[in-house]
Amino acid sequence: MNGRLREITPQDVDEYWAPSQFPEFIAATR
């Protein structure tokens, strides 16, 4: 999804990954 204007950081990955602790979130995105 990213372009060339900034690098993806570990915090970015953590924040987007965090809701996956909830099974209902995975279901909702599906």
PDB file of all heavy atoms in Angstrom:
ATOM      1  N   MET A   1       0.816  -1.216   0.000  1.00  0.00           N
ATOM      2  CA  MET A   1       0.000   0.000   0.000  1.00  0.00           C
ATOM      3  C   MET A   1       0.849   1.265   0.000  1.00  0.00           C
ATOM      4  O   MET A   1       0.397   2.326  -0.417  1.00  0.00           O
ATOM      5  CB  MET A   1      -0.928   0.020   1.220  1.00  0.00           C
ATOM      6  CG  MET A   1      -2.016  -1.028   1.193  1.00  0.00           C
ATOM      7  SD  MET A   1      -3.303  -0.709   2.428  1.00  0.00           S
ATOM      8  CE  MET A   1      -2.337  -0.630   3.924  1.00  0.00           C
ATOM      9  N   ASN A   2       2.076   1.175   0.485  1.00  0.00           N
ATOM     10  CA  ASN A   2       2.919   2.354   0.660  1.00  0.00           C
ATOM     11  C   ASN A   2       3.520   2.810  -0.660  1.00  0.00           C
ATOM     12  O   ASN A   2       3.732   2.015  -1.579  1.00  0.00           O
ATOM     13  CB  ASN A   2       4.043   2.026   1.655  1.00  0.00           C
ATOM     14  CG  ASN A   2       4.503   3.245   2.412  1.00  0.00           C
ATOM     15  OD1 ASN A   2       3.690   4.037   2.863  1.00  0.00           O
ATOM     16  ND2 ASN A   2       5.801   3.405   2.565  1.00  0.00           N
ATOM     17  N   GLY A   3       3.816   4.106  -0.731  1.00  0.00           N
ATOM     18  CA  GLY A   3       4.519   4.664  -1.869  1.00  0.00           C
ATOM     19  C   GLY A   3       5.998   4.802  -1.557  1.00  0.00           C
ATOM     20  O   GLY A   3       6.600   3.939  -0.908  1.00  0.00           O
ATOM     21  N   ARG A   4       6.564   5.936  -1.944  1.00  0.00           N
ATOM     22  CA  ARG A   4       8.009   6.152  -1.776  1.00  0.00           C
ATOM     23  C   ARG A   4       8.349   7.285  -0.827  1.00  0.00           C
ATOM     24  O   ARG A   4       9.508   7.692  -0.736  1.00  0.00           O
ATOM     25  CB  ARG A   4       8.648   6.438  -3.133  1.00  0.00           C
ATOM     26  CG  ARG A   4       8.609   5.260  -4.097  1.00  0.00           C
ATOM     27  CD  ARG A   4       9.271   5.626  -5.414  1.00  0.00           C
ATOM     28  NE  ARG A   4       9.357   4.471  -6.305  1.00  0.00           N
ATOM     29  CZ  ARG A   4       9.842   4.539  -7.555  1.00  0.00           C
ATOM     30  NH1 ARG A   4      10.253   5.699  -8.043  1.00  0.00           N
ATOM     31  NH2 ARG A   4       9.886   3.447  -8.303  1.00  0.00           N
ATOM     32  N   LEU A   5       7.365   7.801  -0.111  1.00  0.00           N
ATOM     33  CA  LEU A   5       7.603   9.004   0.682  1.00  0.00           C
ATOM     34  C   LEU A   5       7.981   8.716   2.132  1.00  0.00           C
ATOM     35  O   LEU A   5       8.452   9.607   2.823  1.00  0.00           O
ATOM     36  CB  LEU A   5       6.369   9.910   0.643  1.00  0.00           C
ATOM     37  CG  LEU A   5       5.949  10.385  -0.752  1.00  0.00           C
ATOM     38  CD1 LEU A   5       4.774  11.338  -0.652  1.00  0.00           C
ATOM     39  CD2 LEU A   5       7.109  11.056  -1.480  1.00  0.00           C
ATOM     40  N   ARG A   6       7.758   7.511   2.618  1.00  0.00           N
ATOM     41  CA  ARG A   6       8.179   7.158   3.968  1.00  0.00           C
ATOM     42  C   ARG A   6       8.347   5.647   4.073  1.00  0.00           C
ATOM     43  O   ARG A   6       7.795   4.896   3.267  1.00  0.00           O
ATOM     44  CB  ARG A   6       7.174   7.638   5.023  1.00  0.00           C
ATOM     45  CG  ARG A   6       5.859   6.899   5.021  1.00  0.00           C
ATOM     46  CD  ARG A   6       4.888   7.428   6.083  1.00  0.00           C
ATOM     47  NE  ARG A   6       5.305   7.068   7.418  1.00  0.00           N
ATOM     48  CZ  ARG A   6       4.936   5.965   8.050  1.00  0.00           C
ATOM     49  NH1 ARG A   6       4.141   5.090   7.452  1.00  0.00           N
ATOM     50  NH2 ARG A   6       5.343   5.732   9.279  1.00  0.00           N
ATOM     51  N   GLU A   7       9.128   5.236   5.065  1.00  0.00           N
ATOM     52  CA  GLU A   7       9.357   3.819   5.305  1.00  0.00           C
ATOM     53  C   GLU A   7       8.337   3.288   6.313  1.00  0.00           C
ATOM     54  O   GLU A   7       7.942   3.990   7.235  1.00  0.00           O
ATOM     55  CB  GLU A   7      10.769   3.596   5.843  1.00  0.00           C
ATOM     56  CG  GLU A   7      11.886   3.961   4.871  1.00  0.00           C
ATOM     57  CD  GLU A   7      11.913   3.056   3.647  1.00  0.00           C
ATOM     58  OE1 GLU A   7      11.589   1.849   3.799  1.00  0.00           O
ATOM     59  OE2 GLU A   7      12.239   3.554   2.561  1.00  0.00           O
ATOM     60  N   ILE A   8       7.919   2.054   6.127  1.00  0.00           N
ATOM     61  CA  ILE A   8       7.065   1.384   7.110  1.00  0.00           C
ATOM     62  C   ILE A   8       7.897   1.107   8.357  1.00  0.00           C
ATOM     63  O   ILE A   8       9.024   0.606   8.266  1.00  0.00           O
ATOM     64  CB  ILE A   8       6.506   0.073   6.539  1.00  0.00           C
ATOM     65  CG1 ILE A   8       5.639   0.348   5.308  1.00  0.00           C
ATOM     66  CG2 ILE A   8       5.705  -0.678   7.601  1.00  0.00           C
ATOM     67  CD1 ILE A   8       4.430   1.197   5.578  1.00  0.00           C
ATOM     68  N   THR A   9       7.361   1.434   9.524  1.00  0.00           N
ATOM     69  CA  THR A   9       8.079   1.251  10.777  1.00  0.00           C
ATOM     70  C   THR A   9       7.539   0.035  11.538  1.00  0.00           C
ATOM     71  O   THR A   9       6.407  -0.404  11.307  1.00  0.00           O
ATOM     72  CB  THR A   9       7.947   2.486  11.669  1.00  0.00           C
ATOM     73  OG1 THR A   9       6.578   2.594  12.120  1.00  0.00           O
ATOM     74  CG2 THR A   9       8.337   3.754  10.917  1.00  0.00           C
ATOM     75  N   PRO A  10       8.327  -0.491  12.484  1.00  0.00           N
ATOM     76  CA  PRO A  10       7.815  -1.572  13.320  1.00  0.00           C
ATOM     77  C   PRO A  10       6.540  -1.189  14.072  1.00  0.00           C
ATOM     78  O   PRO A  10       5.659  -2.027  14.272  1.00  0.00           O
ATOM     79  CB  PRO A  10       8.973  -1.860  14.279  1.00  0.00           C
ATOM     80  CG  PRO A  10      10.199  -1.455  13.511  1.00  0.00           C
ATOM     81  CD  PRO A  10       9.775  -0.254  12.721  1.00  0.00           C
ATOM     82  N   GLN A  11       6.439   0.098  14.474  1.00  0.00           N
ATOM     83  CA  GLN A  11       5.225   0.524  15.164  1.00  0.00           C
ATOM     84  C   GLN A  11       4.019   0.457  14.234  1.00  0.00           C
ATOM     85  O   GLN A  11       2.918   0.074  14.658  1.00  0.00           O
ATOM     86  CB  GLN A  11       5.370   1.942  15.712  1.00  0.00           C
ATOM     87  CG  GLN A  11       4.135   2.388  16.506  1.00  0.00           C
ATOM     88  CD  GLN A  11       4.227   3.810  17.018  1.00  0.00           C
ATOM     89  OE1 GLN A  11       5.188   4.532  16.727  1.00  0.00           O
ATOM     90  NE2 GLN A  11       3.233   4.226  17.788  1.00  0.00           N
ATOM     91  N   ASP A  12       4.211   0.819  12.963  1.00  0.00           N
ATOM     92  CA  ASP A  12       3.117   0.707  11.998  1.00  0.00           C
ATOM     93  C   ASP A  12       2.600  -0.727  11.946  1.00  0.00           C
ATOM     94  O   ASP A  12       1.389  -0.976  12.013  1.00  0.00           O
ATOM     95  CB  ASP A  12       3.592   1.101  10.594  1.00  0.00           C
ATOM     96  CG  ASP A  12       3.983   2.556  10.471  1.00  0.00           C
ATOM     97  OD1 ASP A  12       3.478   3.370  11.263  1.00  0.00           O
ATOM     98  OD2 ASP A  12       4.783   2.874   9.578  1.00  0.00           O
ATOM     99  N   VAL A  13       3.519  -1.658  11.828  1.00  0.00           N
ATOM    100  CA  VAL A  13       3.130  -3.068  11.732  1.00  0.00           C
ATOM    101  C   VAL A  13       2.408  -3.504  13.004  1.00  0.00           C
ATOM    102  O   VAL A  13       1.370  -4.173  12.947  1.00  0.00           O
ATOM    103  CB  VAL A  13       4.365  -3.946  11.469  1.00  0.00           C
ATOM    104  CG1 VAL A  13       3.966  -5.422  11.394  1.00  0.00           C
ATOM    105  CG2 VAL A  13       5.061  -3.526  10.178  1.00  0.00           C
ATOM    106  N   ASP A  14       2.928  -3.106  14.159  1.00  0.00           N
ATOM    107  CA  ASP A  14       2.309  -3.491  15.428  1.00  0.00           C
ATOM    108  C   ASP A  14       0.891  -2.955  15.544  1.00  0.00           C
ATOM    109  O   ASP A  14      -0.021  -3.662  15.996  1.00  0.00           O
ATOM    110  CB  ASP A  14       3.145  -2.980  16.605  1.00  0.00           C
ATOM    111  CG  ASP A  14       4.433  -3.768  16.788  1.00  0.00           C
ATOM    112  OD1 ASP A  14       4.531  -4.881  16.243  1.00  0.00           O
ATOM    113  OD2 ASP A  14       5.347  -3.264  17.469  1.00  0.00           O
ATOM    114  N   GLU A  15       0.684  -1.693  15.149  1.00  0.00           N
ATOM    115  CA  GLU A  15      -0.634  -1.076  15.293  1.00  0.00           C
ATOM    116  C   GLU A  15      -1.667  -1.718  14.369  1.00  0.00           C
ATOM    117  O   GLU A  15      -2.826  -1.892  14.743  1.00  0.00           O
ATOM    118  CB  GLU A  15      -0.551   0.434  15.030  1.00  0.00           C
ATOM    119  CG  GLU A  15       0.170   1.223  16.111  1.00  0.00           C
ATOM    120  CD  GLU A  15      -0.692   1.437  17.349  1.00  0.00           C
ATOM    121  OE1 GLU A  15      -1.897   1.110  17.314  1.00  0.00           O
ATOM    122  OE2 GLU A  15      -0.156   1.937  18.358  1.00  0.00           O
ATOM    123  N   TYR A  16      -1.262  -2.046  13.145  1.00  0.00           N
ATOM    124  CA  TYR A  16      -2.199  -2.692  12.227  1.00  0.00           C
ATOM    125  C   TYR A  16      -2.439  -4.148  12.599  1.00  0.00           C
ATOM    126  O   TYR A  16      -3.502  -4.708  12.315  1.00  0.00           O
ATOM    127  CB  TYR A  16      -1.676  -2.603  10.787  1.00  0.00           C
ATOM    128  CG  TYR A  16      -1.922  -1.267  10.130  1.00  0.00           C
ATOM    129  CD1 TYR A  16      -0.987  -0.228  10.226  1.00  0.00           C
ATOM    130  CD2 TYR A  16      -3.094  -1.034   9.414  1.00  0.00           C
ATOM    131  CE1 TYR A  16      -1.211   0.999   9.623  1.00  0.00           C
ATOM    132  CE2 TYR A  16      -3.333   0.188   8.810  1.00  0.00           C
ATOM    133  CZ  TYR A  16      -2.388   1.197   8.914  1.00  0.00           C
ATOM    134  OH  TYR A  16      -2.619   2.416   8.332  1.00  0.00           O
ATOM    135  N   TRP A  17      -1.472  -4.762  13.238  1.00  0.00           N
ATOM    136  CA  TRP A  17      -1.588  -6.158  13.630  1.00  0.00           C
ATOM    137  C   TRP A  17      -2.374  -6.324  14.927  1.00  0.00           C
ATOM    138  O   TRP A  17      -3.040  -7.339  15.150  1.00  0.00           O
ATOM    139  CB  TRP A  17      -0.189  -6.765  13.784  1.00  0.00           C
ATOM    140  CG  TRP A  17      -0.148  -8.226  14.036  1.00  0.00           C
ATOM    141  CD1 TRP A  17      -0.905  -9.203  13.432  1.00  0.00           C
ATOM    142  CD2 TRP A  17       0.708  -8.910  14.957  1.00  0.00           C
ATOM    143  NE1 TRP A  17      -0.566 -10.450  13.908  1.00  0.00           N
ATOM    144  CE2 TRP A  17       0.429 -10.302  14.854  1.00  0.00           C
ATOM    145  CE3 TRP A  17       1.695  -8.492  15.849  1.00  0.00           C
ATOM    146  CZ2 TRP A  17       1.088 -11.262  15.618  1.00  0.00           C
ATOM    147  CZ3 TRP A  17       2.366  -9.451  16.600  1.00  0.00           C
ATOM    148  CH2 TRP A  17       2.050 -10.815  16.482  1.00  0.00           C
ATOM    149  N   ALA A  18      -2.328  -5.308  15.796  1.00  0.00           N
ATOM    150  CA  ALA A  18      -2.906  -5.417  17.145  1.00  0.00           C
ATOM    151  C   ALA A  18      -4.362  -5.882  17.155  1.00  0.00           C
ATOM    152  O   ALA A  18      -4.722  -6.736  17.976  1.00  0.00           O
ATOM    153  CB  ALA A  18      -2.761  -4.091  17.884  1.00  0.00           C
ATOM    154  N   PRO A  19      -5.249  -5.362  16.294  1.00  0.00           N
ATOM    155  CA  PRO A  19      -6.651  -5.802  16.374  1.00  0.00           C
ATOM    156  C   PRO A  19      -6.863  -7.275  16.051  1.00  0.00           C
ATOM    157  O   PRO A  19      -7.929  -7.824  16.348  1.00  0.00           O
ATOM    158  CB  PRO A  19      -7.368  -4.905  15.350  1.00  0.00           C
ATOM    159  CG  PRO A  19      -6.467  -3.728  15.185  1.00  0.00           C
ATOM    160  CD  PRO A  19      -5.089  -4.261  15.334  1.00  0.00           C
ATOM    161  N   SER A  20      -5.866  -7.929  15.434  1.00  0.00           N
ATOM    162  CA  SER A  20      -6.037  -9.336  15.082  1.00  0.00           C
ATOM    163  C   SER A  20      -6.099 -10.234  16.309  1.00  0.00           C
ATOM    164  O   SER A  20      -6.396 -11.428  16.188  1.00  0.00           O
ATOM    165  CB  SER A  20      -4.900  -9.795  14.158  1.00  0.00           C
ATOM    166  OG  SER A  20      -3.651  -9.804  14.836  1.00  0.00           O
ATOM    167  N   GLN A  21      -5.840  -9.663  17.500  1.00  0.00           N
ATOM    168  CA  GLN A  21      -6.014 -10.434  18.733  1.00  0.00           C
ATOM    169  C   GLN A  21      -7.494 -10.777  18.959  1.00  0.00           C
ATOM    170  O   GLN A  21      -7.807 -11.655  19.751  1.00  0.00           O
ATOM    171  CB  GLN A  21      -5.483  -9.636  19.926  1.00  0.00           C
ATOM    172  CG  GLN A  21      -6.268  -8.359  20.224  1.00  0.00           C
ATOM    173  CD  GLN A  21      -5.628  -7.496  21.287  1.00  0.00           C
ATOM    174  OE1 GLN A  21      -5.672  -7.828  22.462  1.00  0.00           O
ATOM    175  NE2 GLN A  21      -5.013  -6.393  20.867  1.00  0.00           N
ATOM    176  N   PHE A  22      -8.386 -10.050  18.269  1.00  0.00           N
ATOM    177  CA  PHE A  22      -9.821 -10.286  18.402  1.00  0.00           C
ATOM    178  C   PHE A  22     -10.309 -11.097  17.199  1.00  0.00           C
ATOM    179  O   PHE A  22     -10.281 -10.597  16.071  1.00  0.00           O
ATOM    180  CB  PHE A  22     -10.584  -8.962  18.463  1.00  0.00           C
ATOM    181  CG  PHE A  22     -10.093  -8.023  19.527  1.00  0.00           C
ATOM    182  CD1 PHE A  22      -9.420  -6.848  19.178  1.00  0.00           C
ATOM    183  CD2 PHE A  22     -10.286  -8.300  20.867  1.00  0.00           C
ATOM    184  CE1 PHE A  22      -8.966  -5.978  20.155  1.00  0.00           C
ATOM    185  CE2 PHE A  22      -9.829  -7.434  21.851  1.00  0.00           C
ATOM    186  CZ  PHE A  22      -9.162  -6.271  21.493  1.00  0.00           C
ATOM    187  N   PRO A  23     -10.772 -12.318  17.399  1.00  0.00           N
ATOM    188  CA  PRO A  23     -11.274 -13.113  16.262  1.00  0.00           C
ATOM    189  C   PRO A  23     -12.389 -12.399  15.499  1.00  0.00           C
ATOM    190  O   PRO A  23     -12.512 -12.560  14.281  1.00  0.00           O
ATOM    191  CB  PRO A  23     -11.793 -14.389  16.935  1.00  0.00           C
ATOM    192  CG  PRO A  23     -11.053 -14.484  18.230  1.00  0.00           C
ATOM    193  CD  PRO A  23     -10.835 -13.059  18.664  1.00  0.00           C
ATOM    194  N   GLU A  24     -13.180 -11.591  16.214  1.00  0.00           N
ATOM    195  CA  GLU A  24     -14.291 -10.884  15.556  1.00  0.00           C
ATOM    196  C   GLU A  24     -13.776  -9.849  14.550  1.00  0.00           C
ATOM    197  O   GLU A  24     -14.468  -9.533  13.572  1.00  0.00           O
ATOM    198  CB  GLU A  24     -15.169 -10.199  16.602  1.00  0.00           C
ATOM    199  CG  GLU A  24     -15.819 -11.146  17.593  1.00  0.00           C
ATOM    200  CD  GLU A  24     -14.922 -11.485  18.779  1.00  0.00           C
ATOM    201  OE1 GLU A  24     -13.752 -11.025  18.805  1.00  0.00           O
ATOM    202  OE2 GLU A  24     -15.383 -12.214  19.672  1.00  0.00           O
ATOM    203  N   PHE A  25     -12.593  -9.298  14.788  1.00  0.00           N
ATOM    204  CA  PHE A  25     -12.005  -8.352  13.842  1.00  0.00           C
ATOM    205  C   PHE A  25     -11.649  -9.054  12.540  1.00  0.00           C
ATOM    206  O   PHE A  25     -11.922  -8.541  11.445  1.00  0.00           O
ATOM    207  CB  PHE A  25     -10.758  -7.711  14.453  1.00  0.00           C
ATOM    208  CG  PHE A  25      -9.890  -6.983  13.457  1.00  0.00           C
ATOM    209  CD1 PHE A  25     -10.270  -5.753  12.945  1.00  0.00           C
ATOM    210  CD2 PHE A  25      -8.684  -7.534  13.026  1.00  0.00           C
ATOM    211  CE1 PHE A  25      -9.479  -5.078  12.020  1.00  0.00           C
ATOM    212  CE2 PHE A  25      -7.875  -6.877  12.108  1.00  0.00           C
ATOM    213  CZ  PHE A  25      -8.275  -5.647  11.598  1.00  0.00           C
ATOM    214  N   ILE A  26     -11.041 -10.220  12.646  1.00  0.00           N
ATOM    215  CA  ILE A  26     -10.703 -10.985  11.449  1.00  0.00           C
ATOM    216  C   ILE A  26     -11.971 -11.302  10.662  1.00  0.00           C
ATOM    217  O   ILE A  26     -12.014 -11.171   9.431  1.00  0.00           O
ATOM    218  CB  ILE A  26      -9.970 -12.280  11.824  1.00  0.00           C
ATOM    219  CG1 ILE A  26      -8.697 -11.977  12.624  1.00  0.00           C
ATOM    220  CG2 ILE A  26      -9.654 -13.087  10.578  1.00  0.00           C
ATOM    221  CD1 ILE A  26      -7.659 -11.222  11.873  1.00  0.00           C
ATOM    222  N   ALA A  27     -13.028 -11.698  11.373  1.00  0.00           N
ATOM    223  CA  ALA A  27     -14.290 -12.006  10.702  1.00  0.00           C
ATOM    224  C   ALA A  27     -14.871 -10.766  10.030  1.00  0.00           C
ATOM    225  O   ALA A  27     -15.361 -10.830   8.893  1.00  0.00           O
ATOM    226  CB  ALA A  27     -15.283 -12.585  11.708  1.00  0.00           C
ATOM    227  N   ALA A  28     -14.822  -9.630  10.722  1.00  0.00           N
ATOM    228  CA  ALA A  28     -15.391  -8.401  10.166  1.00  0.00           C
ATOM    229  C   ALA A  28     -14.681  -7.984   8.886  1.00  0.00           C
ATOM    230  O   ALA A  28     -15.329  -7.569   7.908  1.00  0.00           O
ATOM    231  CB  ALA A  28     -15.320  -7.280  11.203  1.00  0.00           C
ATOM    232  N   THR A  29     -13.353  -8.066   8.864  1.00  0.00           N
ATOM    233  CA  THR A  29     -12.621  -7.679   7.656  1.00  0.00           C
ATOM    234  C   THR A  29     -12.933  -8.628   6.502  1.00  0.00           C
ATOM    235  O   THR A  29     -13.048  -8.199   5.349  1.00  0.00           O
ATOM    236  CB  THR A  29     -11.108  -7.647   7.924  1.00  0.00           C
ATOM    237  OG1 THR A  29     -10.676  -8.901   8.463  1.00  0.00           O
ATOM    238  CG2 THR A  29     -10.753  -6.541   8.916  1.00  0.00           C
ATOM    239  N   ARG A  30     -13.111  -9.912   6.830  1.00  0.00           N
ATOM    240  CA  ARG A  30     -13.518 -10.866   5.786  1.00  0.00           C
ATOM    241  C   ARG A  30     -14.909 -10.530   5.274  1.00  0.00           C
ATOM    242  O   ARG A  30     -15.157 -10.516   4.059  1.00  0.00           O
ATOM    243  CB  ARG A  30     -13.468 -12.288   6.356  1.00  0.00           C
ATOM    244  CG  ARG A  30     -13.885 -13.372   5.368  1.00  0.00           C
ATOM    245  CD  ARG A  30     -15.364 -13.705   5.507  1.00  0.00           C
ATOM    246  NE  ARG A  30     -15.818 -14.603   4.443  1.00  0.00           N
ATOM    247  CZ  ARG A  30     -17.079 -14.686   4.034  1.00  0.00           C
ATOM    248  NH1 ARG A  30     -18.028 -13.934   4.580  1.00  0.00           N
ATOM    249  NH2 ARG A  30     -17.408 -15.509   3.057  1.00  0.00           N
TER     250      ARG A  30
END
